[in-house]
Protein backbone atom coordinates (compact mmCIF):
# COMPACT_ATOMS: atom_id res chain seq x y z
CA UNK A 1 25.96 -78.25 11.96
CA UNK A 2 27.18 -74.80 11.22
CA UNK A 3 29.41 -75.89 8.44
CA UNK A 4 26.61 -77.99 6.89
CA UNK A 5 24.24 -75.00 6.87
CA UNK A 6 26.81 -72.79 5.31
CA UNK A 7 27.50 -75.27 2.61
CA UNK A 8 23.83 -75.63 1.81
CA UNK A 9 23.42 -71.94 1.52
CA UNK A 10 26.42 -71.79 -0.82
CA UNK A 11 24.89 -74.45 -2.98
CA UNK A 12 21.63 -72.61 -3.27
CA UNK A 13 23.38 -69.40 -4.25
CA UNK A 14 25.32 -71.32 -6.87
CA UNK A 15 22.16 -72.89 -8.21
CA UNK A 16 20.32 -69.60 -8.44
CA UNK A 17 23.34 -68.14 -10.25
CA UNK A 18 23.23 -70.97 -12.82
CA UNK A 19 19.48 -70.45 -13.36
CA UNK A 20 20.00 -66.78 -13.71
CA UNK A 21 22.57 -67.31 -16.44
CA UNK A 22 20.24 -69.69 -18.31
CA UNK A 23 17.36 -67.21 -18.05
CA UNK A 24 19.63 -64.43 -19.24
CA UNK A 25 20.65 -66.44 -22.30
CA UNK A 26 16.96 -67.20 -23.17
CA UNK A 27 16.07 -63.51 -22.73
CA UNK A 28 18.95 -62.45 -24.95
CA UNK A 29 17.83 -64.83 -27.65
CA UNK A 30 14.25 -63.40 -27.57
CA UNK A 31 15.42 -59.81 -27.95
CA UNK A 32 18.21 -60.53 -30.47
CA UNK A 33 18.04 -58.29 -33.59
CA UNK A 34 14.75 -56.70 -32.29
CA UNK A 35 13.96 -53.03 -31.59
CA UNK A 36 12.30 -52.13 -28.32
CA UNK A 37 9.76 -49.31 -28.97
CA UNK A 38 9.09 -46.80 -26.22
CA UNK A 39 5.71 -45.06 -26.42
CA UNK A 40 5.34 -41.54 -24.99
CA UNK A 41 1.66 -40.57 -24.61
CA UNK A 42 2.04 -36.85 -23.89
CA UNK A 43 2.21 -33.55 -25.84
CA UNK A 44 5.36 -32.67 -27.79
CA UNK A 45 7.41 -29.98 -26.09
CA UNK A 46 6.29 -30.92 -22.55
CA UNK A 47 8.20 -32.46 -19.75
CA UNK A 48 7.70 -36.05 -20.86
CA UNK A 49 8.83 -35.35 -24.44
CA UNK A 50 11.78 -33.06 -23.67
CA UNK A 51 12.54 -34.57 -20.56
CA UNK A 52 5.93 -18.51 -11.38
CA UNK A 53 4.97 -15.48 -11.60
CA UNK A 54 3.87 -15.40 -7.94
CA UNK A 55 6.29 -13.37 -5.81
CA UNK A 56 6.47 -15.52 -2.67
CA UNK A 57 4.78 -18.29 -0.81
CA UNK A 58 3.79 -15.89 1.99
CA UNK A 59 1.97 -13.62 -0.41
CA UNK A 60 0.34 -16.62 -1.97
CA UNK A 61 -1.08 -17.71 1.39
CA UNK A 62 -2.27 -14.19 2.07
CA UNK A 63 -3.80 -13.67 -1.40
CA UNK A 64 -7.41 -12.42 -1.28
CA UNK A 65 -8.17 -13.87 -4.67
CA UNK A 66 -7.35 -17.49 -5.68
CA UNK A 67 -4.24 -17.81 -7.80
CA UNK A 68 -4.83 -19.25 -11.23
CA UNK A 69 -2.78 -22.39 -11.91
CA UNK A 70 -2.82 -24.19 -15.26
CA UNK A 71 -3.39 -27.93 -15.65
CA UNK A 72 -4.42 -30.58 -18.12
CA UNK A 73 -7.14 -32.72 -16.55
CA UNK A 74 -7.75 -34.96 -13.51
CA UNK A 75 -5.09 -37.64 -13.52
CA UNK A 76 -2.30 -35.48 -14.89
CA UNK A 77 0.30 -34.44 -12.28
CA UNK A 78 -0.04 -30.79 -13.26
CA UNK A 79 -3.69 -30.94 -12.29
CA UNK A 80 -3.52 -33.34 -9.37
CA UNK A 81 -0.79 -31.41 -7.56
CA UNK A 82 -2.66 -28.09 -7.30
CA UNK A 83 -5.73 -29.99 -6.03
CA UNK A 84 -3.64 -31.59 -3.31
CA UNK A 85 -1.95 -28.26 -2.38
CA UNK A 86 -5.33 -26.52 -2.07
CA UNK A 87 -6.56 -29.09 0.48
CA UNK A 88 -3.30 -30.16 2.24
CA UNK A 89 -1.96 -26.63 2.73
CA UNK A 90 -5.02 -24.44 2.27
CA UNK A 91 -3.44 -22.46 -0.54
CA UNK A 92 -5.96 -20.27 -2.48
CA UNK A 93 -5.87 -21.91 -5.89
CA UNK A 94 -8.17 -21.69 -8.97
CA UNK A 95 -7.27 -24.57 -11.25
CA UNK A 96 -7.70 -23.83 -14.91
CA UNK A 97 -7.71 -27.09 -16.86
CA UNK A 98 -7.84 -28.02 -20.54
CA UNK A 99 -4.21 -27.30 -21.55
CA UNK A 100 -2.62 -30.06 -23.70
CA UNK A 101 0.75 -30.51 -21.99
CA UNK A 102 3.09 -28.41 -19.93
CA UNK A 103 4.31 -26.54 -23.05
CA UNK A 104 0.90 -25.01 -23.40
CA UNK A 105 0.80 -24.13 -19.70
CA UNK A 106 4.09 -22.28 -20.06
CA UNK A 107 2.78 -20.27 -22.99
CA UNK A 108 -0.40 -19.40 -21.07
CA UNK A 109 1.68 -18.23 -18.10
CA UNK A 110 3.93 -16.13 -20.32
CA UNK A 111 0.82 -14.55 -21.88
CA UNK A 112 -0.61 -13.71 -18.48
CA UNK A 113 -3.55 -15.97 -18.67
CA UNK A 114 -2.47 -17.84 -15.50
CA UNK A 115 0.04 -17.36 -12.78
CA UNK A 116 1.95 -20.60 -13.42
CA UNK A 117 1.82 -24.35 -13.03
CA UNK A 118 2.97 -27.36 -11.03
CA UNK A 119 5.14 -30.06 -12.56
CA UNK A 120 8.60 -31.57 -12.19
CA UNK A 121 11.69 -29.49 -11.58
CA UNK A 122 13.77 -31.66 -13.94
CA UNK A 123 11.46 -30.52 -16.73
CA UNK A 124 11.02 -26.90 -15.64
CA UNK A 125 14.73 -26.20 -15.37
CA UNK A 126 15.22 -27.33 -18.98
CA UNK A 127 12.04 -26.19 -20.78
CA UNK A 128 11.69 -22.87 -18.80
CA UNK A 129 15.44 -22.22 -18.56
CA UNK A 130 15.32 -18.76 -20.11
CA UNK A 131 12.47 -17.60 -17.87
CA UNK A 132 14.40 -18.81 -14.80
CA UNK A 133 17.63 -17.13 -15.97
CA UNK A 134 15.84 -13.83 -16.67
CA UNK A 135 13.98 -14.02 -13.27
CA UNK A 136 10.66 -13.85 -15.06
CA UNK A 137 9.84 -17.27 -13.64
CA UNK A 138 10.12 -17.90 -9.88
CA UNK A 139 9.99 -21.24 -8.10
CA UNK A 140 7.70 -20.48 -5.15
CA UNK A 141 7.13 -23.92 -3.65
CA UNK A 142 8.50 -27.42 -4.07
CA UNK A 143 6.81 -30.77 -3.25
CA UNK A 144 9.48 -33.29 -2.30
CA UNK A 145 10.02 -35.71 0.66
CA UNK A 146 12.99 -33.44 1.41
CA UNK A 147 14.32 -30.20 -0.23
CA UNK A 148 15.92 -30.71 -3.67
CA UNK A 149 19.62 -29.78 -3.76
CA UNK A 150 18.93 -27.28 -6.56
CA UNK A 151 16.14 -25.66 -4.47
CA UNK A 152 17.62 -25.58 -1.00
CA UNK A 153 16.16 -22.18 -0.32
CA UNK A 154 12.74 -22.85 -1.74
CA UNK A 155 9.98 -23.69 0.85
CA UNK A 156 8.88 -27.41 0.73
CA UNK A 157 5.17 -28.21 0.97
CA UNK A 158 5.58 -31.01 3.54
CA UNK A 159 7.05 -28.39 5.92
CA UNK A 160 3.71 -26.50 5.83
CA UNK A 161 1.42 -29.53 6.17
CA UNK A 162 -0.01 -29.17 9.71
CA UNK A 163 -2.23 -32.25 9.82
CA UNK A 164 -1.83 -36.02 9.40
CA UNK A 165 -4.30 -35.89 6.52
CA UNK A 166 -2.29 -33.18 4.78
CA UNK A 167 0.92 -35.18 5.04
CA UNK A 168 -0.85 -38.29 3.89
CA UNK A 169 -2.24 -36.55 0.82
CA UNK A 170 1.18 -35.17 -0.07
CA UNK A 171 2.89 -38.54 0.24
CA UNK A 172 0.25 -40.66 -1.36
CA UNK A 173 -0.72 -38.33 -4.22
CA UNK A 174 2.50 -36.33 -4.85
CA UNK A 175 5.68 -37.77 -3.40
CA UNK A 176 5.20 -41.45 -4.32
CA UNK A 177 3.63 -40.88 -7.79
CA UNK A 178 6.26 -38.25 -8.49
CA UNK A 179 9.04 -40.74 -7.72
CA UNK A 180 7.78 -42.98 -10.51
CA UNK A 181 6.39 -40.34 -12.78
CA UNK A 182 8.44 -41.38 -15.79
CA UNK A 183 8.35 -45.03 -15.10
CA UNK A 184 9.20 -47.56 -17.83
CA UNK A 185 6.79 -50.50 -17.95
CA UNK A 186 6.60 -53.72 -19.94
CA UNK A 187 3.39 -55.49 -21.01
CA UNK A 188 1.56 -57.76 -18.47
CA UNK A 189 2.75 -61.28 -18.46
CA UNK A 190 6.34 -60.53 -19.53
CA UNK A 191 8.36 -63.56 -18.48
CA UNK A 192 10.68 -63.00 -15.59
CA UNK A 193 13.85 -63.75 -17.55
CA UNK A 194 13.00 -61.10 -20.06
CA UNK A 195 12.03 -58.60 -17.34
CA UNK A 196 15.35 -59.19 -15.59
CA UNK A 197 17.21 -58.66 -18.90
CA UNK A 198 15.31 -55.45 -19.55
CA UNK A 199 16.13 -54.19 -16.05
CA UNK A 200 19.83 -54.99 -16.39
CA UNK A 201 19.89 -53.31 -19.78
CA UNK A 202 18.17 -50.21 -18.47
CA UNK A 203 20.53 -50.00 -15.45
CA UNK A 204 23.53 -50.34 -17.77
CA UNK A 205 22.18 -47.57 -20.02
CA UNK A 206 21.81 -45.25 -17.07
CA UNK A 207 25.55 -45.63 -16.40
CA UNK A 208 26.72 -45.51 -20.11
CA UNK A 209 29.14 -42.60 -20.69
CA UNK A 210 27.61 -41.87 -24.15
CA UNK A 211 24.12 -41.65 -22.73
CA UNK A 212 25.21 -39.50 -19.76
CA UNK A 213 27.03 -37.20 -22.08
CA UNK A 214 23.87 -36.69 -24.11
CA UNK A 215 21.68 -36.05 -21.07
CA UNK A 216 24.27 -33.64 -19.61
CA UNK A 217 24.37 -31.80 -22.93
CA UNK A 218 20.59 -31.45 -22.78
CA UNK A 219 20.67 -30.30 -19.19
CA UNK A 220 18.77 -33.34 -17.97
CA UNK A 221 19.42 -35.05 -14.62
CA UNK A 222 19.63 -38.83 -14.40
CA UNK A 223 18.50 -40.27 -11.06
CA UNK A 224 17.02 -43.65 -11.87
CA UNK A 225 15.32 -46.01 -9.41
CA UNK A 226 15.75 -49.76 -9.56
CA UNK A 227 12.90 -52.10 -10.42
CA UNK A 228 12.72 -53.22 -6.83
CA UNK A 229 12.40 -49.60 -5.58
CA UNK A 230 9.59 -48.96 -8.04
CA UNK A 231 7.79 -52.14 -6.94
CA UNK A 232 8.06 -50.97 -3.31
CA UNK A 233 6.42 -47.61 -4.18
CA UNK A 234 3.70 -49.29 -6.13
CA UNK A 235 3.08 -51.64 -3.24
CA UNK A 236 2.56 -48.67 -0.88
CA UNK A 237 -0.51 -47.75 -2.79
CA UNK A 238 -2.10 -51.06 -2.00
CA UNK A 239 -1.49 -50.50 1.74
CA UNK A 240 -3.60 -47.34 1.90
CA UNK A 241 -6.71 -47.65 4.16
CA UNK A 242 -10.15 -47.39 2.71
CA UNK A 243 -10.81 -44.00 4.38
CA UNK A 244 -7.60 -42.69 2.95
CA UNK A 245 -8.49 -43.88 -0.57
CA UNK A 246 -11.89 -42.28 -0.18
CA UNK A 247 -10.38 -38.99 0.79
CA UNK A 248 -7.91 -39.05 -2.17
CA UNK A 249 -10.86 -39.72 -4.53
CA UNK A 250 -12.73 -36.77 -3.15
CA UNK A 251 -9.76 -34.44 -3.73
CA UNK A 252 -8.47 -35.85 -7.10
CA UNK A 253 -11.79 -36.76 -8.68
CA UNK A 254 -13.98 -33.70 -8.35
CA UNK A 255 -17.72 -34.16 -8.85
CA UNK A 256 -18.93 -33.10 -12.31
């Protein structure tokens, strides 16, 4: 019986491999001699296109006046993150919105209009490199599931979240969305064979020596997630309880 089961399993694996090769060929034929266009819907010069002044976190907590943080609008990570921090950690924050991209937030901070902003380290270390090198820009707080290797001595927000709600807000509104912040998506209804081909091509590109040389030259880090990992994160959003969703809406969608 054991040998029969093993043989059946081997047959199924072989069959799936043959089907996979057939689908791959069909997908290759569809994309042959075609150019795939990637659309970036954010301001030039910001983190998506290119890929603070507070002295310390302790002084931020103790500040008598709210610290002005720049953002774009509800739904943008540079606006959503300060909102979450204000509630989850109790940081005194005054969110100033209306900026068109992180490049404008940087300019406003350099002009003294605001104290700084909240967006990805991979973007900040490139676009604000001179400020970091001159010590005019300070990284006061990071928001990661665990401390980033580049920021080992920088406090992590999750370490200061003292309640279950605070930790839930950080995970559901910052950690998980941040992990797929620069996700690549295809149109709804894309056939599985084409999706598999796109995923394989993307994974191969992330390992391509020429591509890695270019990203290294630009000072950009490459830490891609697989399609399966992205699907798992997206799936976690659908597992949130109604009360948690309601609380997230209260924080992220302020009444007008």
